[in-house]
Structure formats: structure tokens, C-alpha cells
Amino acid sequence: FDHGDVDDLIELLDRRGLKWTGMSQEEAEDL
């Protein structure tokens, strides 16, 4: 979350049956 690694967030949340609803990896990198 702190580093904006959306791909990892998606994987971590998926293990708990949750979905990432925020920006894409590219958008997070551009912040």
C-alpha cells in the first residue's frame, strides 16, 4: 500500500476474498 504496488495488493487481497477497488498500478506509480 505504502509503495503503491497495486499488483501485490491485488494478490494479497485476493487471498482473503477481497478486491482492490483503487487505481491501477500505472496510476499509482504516477502519483
PDB file of all heavy atoms in Angstrom:
ATOM      1  N   PHE A   1       0.832  -1.209   0.000  1.00  0.00           N
ATOM      2  CA  PHE A   1       0.000   0.000   0.000  1.00  0.00           C
ATOM      3  C   PHE A   1       0.865   1.257   0.000  1.00  0.00           C
ATOM      4  O   PHE A   1       0.668   2.167  -0.793  1.00  0.00           O
ATOM      5  CB  PHE A   1      -0.933  -0.012   1.216  1.00  0.00           C
ATOM      6  CG  PHE A   1      -1.970   1.064   1.184  1.00  0.00           C
ATOM      7  CD1 PHE A   1      -3.178   0.860   0.539  1.00  0.00           C
ATOM      8  CD2 PHE A   1      -1.756   2.294   1.785  1.00  0.00           C
ATOM      9  CE1 PHE A   1      -4.152   1.852   0.488  1.00  0.00           C
ATOM     10  CE2 PHE A   1      -2.716   3.293   1.748  1.00  0.00           C
ATOM     11  CZ  PHE A   1      -3.920   3.072   1.094  1.00  0.00           C
ATOM     12  N   ASP A   2       1.851   1.301   0.887  1.00  0.00           N
ATOM     13  CA  ASP A   2       2.709   2.489   1.005  1.00  0.00           C
ATOM     14  C   ASP A   2       3.540   2.732  -0.248  1.00  0.00           C
ATOM     15  O   ASP A   2       3.800   3.874  -0.606  1.00  0.00           O
ATOM     16  CB  ASP A   2       3.630   2.379   2.215  1.00  0.00           C
ATOM     17  CG  ASP A   2       2.885   2.526   3.535  1.00  0.00           C
ATOM     18  OD1 ASP A   2       1.665   2.814   3.520  1.00  0.00           O
ATOM     19  OD2 ASP A   2       3.531   2.331   4.586  1.00  0.00           O
ATOM     20  N   HIS A   3       3.951   1.664  -0.921  1.00  0.00           N
ATOM     21  CA  HIS A   3       4.777   1.803  -2.122  1.00  0.00           C
ATOM     22  C   HIS A   3       3.952   1.880  -3.402  1.00  0.00           C
ATOM     23  O   HIS A   3       4.515   2.044  -4.487  1.00  0.00           O
ATOM     24  CB  HIS A   3       5.770   0.657  -2.223  1.00  0.00           C
ATOM     25  CG  HIS A   3       6.787   0.674  -1.133  1.00  0.00           C
ATOM     26  ND1 HIS A   3       7.410  -0.450  -0.687  1.00  0.00           N
ATOM     27  CD2 HIS A   3       7.279   1.688  -0.372  1.00  0.00           C
ATOM     28  CE1 HIS A   3       8.251  -0.140   0.285  1.00  0.00           C
ATOM     29  NE2 HIS A   3       8.178   1.156   0.497  1.00  0.00           N
ATOM     30  N   GLY A   4       2.640   1.724  -3.275  1.00  0.00           N
ATOM     31  CA  GLY A   4       1.779   1.789  -4.458  1.00  0.00           C
ATOM     32  C   GLY A   4       1.910   0.578  -5.359  1.00  0.00           C
ATOM     33  O   GLY A   4       1.713   0.676  -6.565  1.00  0.00           O
ATOM     34  N   ASP A   5       2.223  -0.556  -4.777  1.00  0.00           N
ATOM     35  CA  ASP A   5       2.377  -1.781  -5.555  1.00  0.00           C
ATOM     36  C   ASP A   5       1.018  -2.473  -5.683  1.00  0.00           C
ATOM     37  O   ASP A   5       0.685  -3.387  -4.927  1.00  0.00           O
ATOM     38  CB  ASP A   5       3.405  -2.707  -4.903  1.00  0.00           C
ATOM     39  CG  ASP A   5       3.818  -3.830  -5.831  1.00  0.00           C
ATOM     40  OD1 ASP A   5       3.052  -4.158  -6.765  1.00  0.00           O
ATOM     41  OD2 ASP A   5       4.906  -4.390  -5.618  1.00  0.00           O
ATOM     42  N   VAL A   6       0.251  -1.995  -6.631  1.00  0.00           N
ATOM     43  CA  VAL A   6      -1.119  -2.473  -6.827  1.00  0.00           C
ATOM     44  C   VAL A   6      -1.153  -3.954  -7.177  1.00  0.00           C
ATOM     45  O   VAL A   6      -2.028  -4.690  -6.709  1.00  0.00           O
ATOM     46  CB  VAL A   6      -1.838  -1.617  -7.902  1.00  0.00           C
ATOM     47  CG1 VAL A   6      -3.199  -2.200  -8.244  1.00  0.00           C
ATOM     48  CG2 VAL A   6      -1.962  -0.177  -7.417  1.00  0.00           C
ATOM     49  N   ASP A   7      -0.203  -4.406  -7.983  1.00  0.00           N
ATOM     50  CA  ASP A   7      -0.186  -5.825  -8.360  1.00  0.00           C
ATOM     51  C   ASP A   7      -0.077  -6.720  -7.119  1.00  0.00           C
ATOM     52  O   ASP A   7      -0.778  -7.717  -7.002  1.00  0.00           O
ATOM     53  CB  ASP A   7       0.951  -6.117  -9.331  1.00  0.00           C
ATOM     54  CG  ASP A   7       0.762  -5.417 -10.672  1.00  0.00           C
ATOM     55  OD1 ASP A   7      -0.387  -5.104 -11.040  1.00  0.00           O
ATOM     56  OD2 ASP A   7       1.778  -5.179 -11.359  1.00  0.00           O
ATOM     57  N   ASP A   8       0.793  -6.349  -6.178  1.00  0.00           N
ATOM     58  CA  ASP A   8       0.914  -7.118  -4.936  1.00  0.00           C
ATOM     59  C   ASP A   8      -0.349  -6.999  -4.088  1.00  0.00           C
ATOM     60  O   ASP A   8      -0.778  -7.980  -3.478  1.00  0.00           O
ATOM     61  CB  ASP A   8       2.122  -6.659  -4.121  1.00  0.00           C
ATOM     62  CG  ASP A   8       3.428  -7.260  -4.617  1.00  0.00           C
ATOM     63  OD1 ASP A   8       3.396  -8.097  -5.543  1.00  0.00           O
ATOM     64  OD2 ASP A   8       4.489  -6.878  -4.080  1.00  0.00           O
ATOM     65  N   LEU A   9      -0.932  -5.801  -4.027  1.00  0.00           N
ATOM     66  CA  LEU A   9      -2.172  -5.617  -3.262  1.00  0.00           C
ATOM     67  C   LEU A   9      -3.273  -6.523  -3.792  1.00  0.00           C
ATOM     68  O   LEU A   9      -3.989  -7.159  -3.014  1.00  0.00           O
ATOM     69  CB  LEU A   9      -2.641  -4.163  -3.331  1.00  0.00           C
ATOM     70  CG  LEU A   9      -2.004  -3.190  -2.365  1.00  0.00           C
ATOM     71  CD1 LEU A   9      -2.432  -1.764  -2.686  1.00  0.00           C
ATOM     72  CD2 LEU A   9      -2.351  -3.537  -0.931  1.00  0.00           C
ATOM     73  N   ILE A  10      -3.405  -6.577  -5.092  1.00  0.00           N
ATOM     74  CA  ILE A  10      -4.432  -7.425  -5.706  1.00  0.00           C
ATOM     75  C   ILE A  10      -4.242  -8.876  -5.272  1.00  0.00           C
ATOM     76  O   ILE A  10      -5.190  -9.549  -4.866  1.00  0.00           O
ATOM     77  CB  ILE A  10      -4.410  -7.284  -7.243  1.00  0.00           C
ATOM     78  CG1 ILE A  10      -4.920  -5.894  -7.641  1.00  0.00           C
ATOM     79  CG2 ILE A  10      -5.225  -8.392  -7.911  1.00  0.00           C
ATOM     80  CD1 ILE A  10      -4.710  -5.553  -9.097  1.00  0.00           C
ATOM     81  N   GLU A  11      -3.007  -9.342  -5.321  1.00  0.00           N
ATOM     82  CA  GLU A  11      -2.711 -10.725  -4.936  1.00  0.00           C
ATOM     83  C   GLU A  11      -2.969 -10.963  -3.453  1.00  0.00           C
ATOM     84  O   GLU A  11      -3.590 -11.961  -3.061  1.00  0.00           O
ATOM     85  CB  GLU A  11      -1.255 -11.045  -5.265  1.00  0.00           C
ATOM     86  CG  GLU A  11      -0.858 -12.467  -4.965  1.00  0.00           C
ATOM     87  CD  GLU A  11       0.592 -12.738  -5.303  1.00  0.00           C
ATOM     88  OE1 GLU A  11       1.093 -12.189  -6.294  1.00  0.00           O
ATOM     89  OE2 GLU A  11       1.216 -13.504  -4.555  1.00  0.00           O
ATOM     90  N   LEU A  12      -2.493 -10.058  -2.592  1.00  0.00           N
ATOM     91  CA  LEU A  12      -2.675 -10.208  -1.150  1.00  0.00           C
ATOM     92  C   LEU A  12      -4.153 -10.182  -0.758  1.00  0.00           C
ATOM     93  O   LEU A  12      -4.602 -10.979   0.069  1.00  0.00           O
ATOM     94  CB  LEU A  12      -1.915  -9.107  -0.404  1.00  0.00           C
ATOM     95  CG  LEU A  12      -0.394  -9.209  -0.443  1.00  0.00           C
ATOM     96  CD1 LEU A  12       0.237  -7.879  -0.030  1.00  0.00           C
ATOM     97  CD2 LEU A  12       0.090 -10.339   0.455  1.00  0.00           C
ATOM     98  N   LEU A  13      -4.899  -9.269  -1.338  1.00  0.00           N
ATOM     99  CA  LEU A  13      -6.321  -9.155  -1.006  1.00  0.00           C
ATOM    100  C   LEU A  13      -7.121 -10.336  -1.545  1.00  0.00           C
ATOM    101  O   LEU A  13      -8.068 -10.798  -0.906  1.00  0.00           O
ATOM    102  CB  LEU A  13      -6.882  -7.835  -1.524  1.00  0.00           C
ATOM    103  CG  LEU A  13      -6.318  -6.587  -0.848  1.00  0.00           C
ATOM    104  CD1 LEU A  13      -6.794  -5.332  -1.561  1.00  0.00           C
ATOM    105  CD2 LEU A  13      -6.677  -6.558   0.628  1.00  0.00           C
ATOM    106  N   ASP A  14      -6.725 -10.825  -2.708  1.00  0.00           N
ATOM    107  CA  ASP A  14      -7.418 -11.961  -3.309  1.00  0.00           C
ATOM    108  C   ASP A  14      -7.356 -13.183  -2.395  1.00  0.00           C
ATOM    109  O   ASP A  14      -8.321 -13.956  -2.313  1.00  0.00           O
ATOM    110  CB  ASP A  14      -6.818 -12.283  -4.677  1.00  0.00           C
ATOM    111  CG  ASP A  14      -7.617 -13.338  -5.413  1.00  0.00           C
ATOM    112  OD1 ASP A  14      -8.830 -13.135  -5.613  1.00  0.00           O
ATOM    113  OD2 ASP A  14      -7.022 -14.379  -5.768  1.00  0.00           O
ATOM    114  N   ARG A  15      -6.259 -13.342  -1.674  1.00  0.00           N
ATOM    115  CA  ARG A  15      -6.124 -14.469  -0.732  1.00  0.00           C
ATOM    116  C   ARG A  15      -7.192 -14.413   0.360  1.00  0.00           C
ATOM    117  O   ARG A  15      -7.533 -15.422   0.948  1.00  0.00           O
ATOM    118  CB  ARG A  15      -4.745 -14.447  -0.065  1.00  0.00           C
ATOM    119  CG  ARG A  15      -3.615 -14.731  -0.996  1.00  0.00           C
ATOM    120  CD  ARG A  15      -2.297 -14.663  -0.247  1.00  0.00           C
ATOM    121  NE  ARG A  15      -1.194 -14.559  -1.169  1.00  0.00           N
ATOM    122  CZ  ARG A  15       0.017 -14.190  -0.827  1.00  0.00           C
ATOM    123  NH1 ARG A  15       0.294 -13.871   0.417  1.00  0.00           N
ATOM    124  NH2 ARG A  15       0.972 -14.118  -1.736  1.00  0.00           N
ATOM    125  N   ARG A  16      -7.706 -13.226   0.631  1.00  0.00           N
ATOM    126  CA  ARG A  16      -8.741 -13.037   1.660  1.00  0.00           C
ATOM    127  C   ARG A  16     -10.122 -12.876   1.037  1.00  0.00           C
ATOM    128  O   ARG A  16     -11.080 -12.537   1.721  1.00  0.00           O
ATOM    129  CB  ARG A  16      -8.421 -11.814   2.512  1.00  0.00           C
ATOM    130  CG  ARG A  16      -7.220 -12.050   3.378  1.00  0.00           C
ATOM    131  CD  ARG A  16      -7.095 -11.021   4.469  1.00  0.00           C
ATOM    132  NE  ARG A  16      -6.240 -11.539   5.505  1.00  0.00           N
ATOM    133  CZ  ARG A  16      -6.663 -12.240   6.558  1.00  0.00           C
ATOM    134  NH1 ARG A  16      -7.932 -12.454   6.733  1.00  0.00           N
ATOM    135  NH2 ARG A  16      -5.801 -12.690   7.442  1.00  0.00           N
ATOM    136  N   GLY A  17     -10.216 -13.068  -0.268  1.00  0.00           N
ATOM    137  CA  GLY A  17     -11.504 -12.947  -0.937  1.00  0.00           C
ATOM    138  C   GLY A  17     -11.943 -11.498  -1.119  1.00  0.00           C
ATOM    139  O   GLY A  17     -13.126 -11.226  -1.297  1.00  0.00           O
ATOM    140  N   LEU A  18     -10.977 -10.568  -1.086  1.00  0.00           N
ATOM    141  CA  LEU A  18     -11.266  -9.141  -1.233  1.00  0.00           C
ATOM    142  C   LEU A  18     -10.707  -8.633  -2.554  1.00  0.00           C
ATOM    143  O   LEU A  18      -9.791  -9.223  -3.118  1.00  0.00           O
ATOM    144  CB  LEU A  18     -10.660  -8.364  -0.057  1.00  0.00           C
ATOM    145  CG  LEU A  18     -11.179  -8.768   1.323  1.00  0.00           C
ATOM    146  CD1 LEU A  18     -10.319  -8.158   2.417  1.00  0.00           C
ATOM    147  CD2 LEU A  18     -12.625  -8.356   1.487  1.00  0.00           C
ATOM    148  N   LYS A  19     -11.243  -7.528  -3.027  1.00  0.00           N
ATOM    149  CA  LYS A  19     -10.842  -6.957  -4.313  1.00  0.00           C
ATOM    150  C   LYS A  19     -10.266  -5.559  -4.129  1.00  0.00           C
ATOM    151  O   LYS A  19     -10.780  -4.764  -3.331  1.00  0.00           O
ATOM    152  CB  LYS A  19     -12.049  -6.871  -5.265  1.00  0.00           C
ATOM    153  CG  LYS A  19     -12.690  -8.193  -5.556  1.00  0.00           C
ATOM    154  CD  LYS A  19     -11.784  -9.067  -6.376  1.00  0.00           C
ATOM    155  CE  LYS A  19     -12.440 -10.411  -6.663  1.00  0.00           C
ATOM    156  NZ  LYS A  19     -11.472 -11.422  -7.009  1.00  0.00           N
ATOM    157  N   TRP A  20      -9.223  -5.248  -4.871  1.00  0.00           N
ATOM    158  CA  TRP A  20      -8.671  -3.902  -4.902  1.00  0.00           C
ATOM    159  C   TRP A  20      -9.580  -3.048  -5.769  1.00  0.00           C
ATOM    160  O   TRP A  20      -9.864  -3.388  -6.911  1.00  0.00           O
ATOM    161  CB  TRP A  20      -7.253  -3.910  -5.464  1.00  0.00           C
ATOM    162  CG  TRP A  20      -6.698  -2.536  -5.612  1.00  0.00           C
ATOM    163  CD1 TRP A  20      -6.407  -1.895  -6.783  1.00  0.00           C
ATOM    164  CD2 TRP A  20      -6.377  -1.612  -4.563  1.00  0.00           C
ATOM    165  NE1 TRP A  20      -5.936  -0.636  -6.521  1.00  0.00           N
ATOM    166  CE2 TRP A  20      -5.901  -0.437  -5.172  1.00  0.00           C
ATOM    167  CE3 TRP A  20      -6.460  -1.656  -3.180  1.00  0.00           C
ATOM    168  CZ2 TRP A  20      -5.514   0.669  -4.438  1.00  0.00           C
ATOM    169  CZ3 TRP A  20      -6.067  -0.557  -2.452  1.00  0.00           C
ATOM    170  CH2 TRP A  20      -5.597   0.590  -3.085  1.00  0.00           C
ATOM    171  N   THR A  21     -10.073  -1.937  -5.230  1.00  0.00           N
ATOM    172  CA  THR A  21     -11.011  -1.080  -5.955  1.00  0.00           C
ATOM    173  C   THR A  21     -10.396   0.274  -6.285  1.00  0.00           C
ATOM    174  O   THR A  21     -11.091   1.161  -6.757  1.00  0.00           O
ATOM    175  CB  THR A  21     -12.280  -0.870  -5.115  1.00  0.00           C
ATOM    176  OG1 THR A  21     -11.910  -0.347  -3.834  1.00  0.00           O
ATOM    177  CG2 THR A  21     -13.046  -2.165  -4.947  1.00  0.00           C
ATOM    178  N   GLY A  22      -9.119   0.408  -6.036  1.00  0.00           N
ATOM    179  CA  GLY A  22      -8.447   1.689  -6.269  1.00  0.00           C
ATOM    180  C   GLY A  22      -7.863   1.771  -7.657  1.00  0.00           C
ATOM    181  O   GLY A  22      -8.237   1.039  -8.575  1.00  0.00           O
ATOM    182  N   MET A  23      -6.904   2.657  -7.774  1.00  0.00           N
ATOM    183  CA  MET A  23      -6.284   2.932  -9.061  1.00  0.00           C
ATOM    184  C   MET A  23      -5.432   1.768  -9.552  1.00  0.00           C
ATOM    185  O   MET A  23      -5.131   0.846  -8.806  1.00  0.00           O
ATOM    186  CB  MET A  23      -5.453   4.206  -8.969  1.00  0.00           C
ATOM    187  CG  MET A  23      -4.328   4.148  -7.967  1.00  0.00           C
ATOM    188  SD  MET A  23      -3.483   5.729  -7.748  1.00  0.00           S
ATOM    189  CE  MET A  23      -4.753   6.742  -7.059  1.00  0.00           C
ATOM    190  N   SER A  24      -5.040   1.879 -10.795  1.00  0.00           N
ATOM    191  CA  SER A  24      -4.203   0.849 -11.408  1.00  0.00           C
ATOM    192  C   SER A  24      -2.752   1.024 -10.968  1.00  0.00           C
ATOM    193  O   SER A  24      -2.380   2.040 -10.374  1.00  0.00           O
ATOM    194  CB  SER A  24      -4.269   0.970 -12.937  1.00  0.00           C
ATOM    195  OG  SER A  24      -3.606   2.161 -13.350  1.00  0.00           O
ATOM    196  N   GLN A  25      -1.928   0.042 -11.295  1.00  0.00           N
ATOM    197  CA  GLN A  25      -0.502   0.108 -10.994  1.00  0.00           C
ATOM    198  C   GLN A  25       0.121   1.349 -11.636  1.00  0.00           C
ATOM    199  O   GLN A  25       0.877   2.079 -10.999  1.00  0.00           O
ATOM    200  CB  GLN A  25       0.202  -1.161 -11.507  1.00  0.00           C
ATOM    201  CG  GLN A  25       1.691  -1.190 -11.253  1.00  0.00           C
ATOM    202  CD  GLN A  25       2.030  -1.371  -9.786  1.00  0.00           C
ATOM    203  OE1 GLN A  25       1.450  -2.205  -9.112  1.00  0.00           O
ATOM    204  NE2 GLN A  25       2.958  -0.604  -9.291  1.00  0.00           N
ATOM    205  N   GLU A  26      -0.237   1.608 -12.866  1.00  0.00           N
ATOM    206  CA  GLU A  26       0.331   2.756 -13.591  1.00  0.00           C
ATOM    207  C   GLU A  26      -0.062   4.082 -12.932  1.00  0.00           C
ATOM    208  O   GLU A  26       0.754   4.988 -12.798  1.00  0.00           O
ATOM    209  CB  GLU A  26      -0.098   2.734 -15.069  1.00  0.00           C
ATOM    210  CG  GLU A  26       0.470   1.569 -15.857  1.00  0.00           C
ATOM    211  CD  GLU A  26      -0.264   0.251 -15.581  1.00  0.00           C
ATOM    212  OE1 GLU A  26      -1.427   0.245 -15.126  1.00  0.00           O
ATOM    213  OE2 GLU A  26       0.375  -0.805 -15.802  1.00  0.00           O
ATOM    214  N   GLU A  27      -1.333   4.190 -12.549  1.00  0.00           N
ATOM    215  CA  GLU A  27      -1.793   5.423 -11.892  1.00  0.00           C
ATOM    216  C   GLU A  27      -1.100   5.626 -10.552  1.00  0.00           C
ATOM    217  O   GLU A  27      -0.717   6.746 -10.205  1.00  0.00           O
ATOM    218  CB  GLU A  27      -3.315   5.377 -11.681  1.00  0.00           C
ATOM    219  CG  GLU A  27      -4.097   5.443 -12.967  1.00  0.00           C
ATOM    220  CD  GLU A  27      -5.563   5.104 -12.758  1.00  0.00           C
ATOM    221  OE1 GLU A  27      -5.891   4.176 -11.997  1.00  0.00           O
ATOM    222  OE2 GLU A  27      -6.409   5.808 -13.373  1.00  0.00           O
ATOM    223  N   ALA A  28      -0.906   4.546  -9.801  1.00  0.00           N
ATOM    224  CA  ALA A  28      -0.238   4.650  -8.500  1.00  0.00           C
ATOM    225  C   ALA A  28       1.211   5.080  -8.671  1.00  0.00           C
ATOM    226  O   ALA A  28       1.743   5.868  -7.891  1.00  0.00           O
ATOM    227  CB  ALA A  28      -0.320   3.313  -7.767  1.00  0.00           C
ATOM    228  N   GLU A  29       1.870   4.593  -9.709  1.00  0.00           N
ATOM    229  CA  GLU A  29       3.267   4.964  -9.955  1.00  0.00           C
ATOM    230  C   GLU A  29       3.393   6.426 -10.347  1.00  0.00           C
ATOM    231  O   GLU A  29       4.428   7.053 -10.107  1.00  0.00           O
ATOM    232  CB  GLU A  29       3.851   4.074 -11.047  1.00  0.00           C
ATOM    233  CG  GLU A  29       4.065   2.642 -10.599  1.00  0.00           C
ATOM    234  CD  GLU A  29       4.443   1.709 -11.719  1.00  0.00           C
ATOM    235  OE1 GLU A  29       4.508   2.143 -12.900  1.00  0.00           O
ATOM    236  OE2 GLU A  29       4.652   0.513 -11.435  1.00  0.00           O
ATOM    237  N   ASP A  30       2.345   6.993 -10.937  1.00  0.00           N
ATOM    238  CA  ASP A  30       2.380   8.382 -11.384  1.00  0.00           C
ATOM    239  C   ASP A  30       2.054   9.393 -10.279  1.00  0.00           C
ATOM    240  O   ASP A  30       2.179  10.599 -10.488  1.00  0.00           O
ATOM    241  CB  ASP A  30       1.393   8.601 -12.543  1.00  0.00           C
ATOM    242  CG  ASP A  30       1.873   7.960 -13.834  1.00  0.00           C
ATOM    243  OD1 ASP A  30       3.083   7.669 -13.934  1.00  0.00           O
ATOM    244  OD2 ASP A  30       1.032   7.743 -14.720  1.00  0.00           O
ATOM    245  N   LEU A  31       1.646   8.907  -9.103  1.00  0.00           N
ATOM    246  CA  LEU A  31       1.303   9.828  -8.014  1.00  0.00           C
ATOM    247  C   LEU A  31       2.515  10.650  -7.586  1.00  0.00           C
ATOM    248  O   LEU A  31       3.617  10.134  -7.472  1.00  0.00           O
ATOM    249  CB  LEU A  31       0.794   9.057  -6.792  1.00  0.00           C
ATOM    250  CG  LEU A  31      -0.610   8.502  -6.879  1.00  0.00           C
ATOM    251  CD1 LEU A  31      -0.910   7.694  -5.617  1.00  0.00           C
ATOM    252  CD2 LEU A  31      -1.634   9.601  -7.037  1.00  0.00           C
TER     253      LEU A  31
END
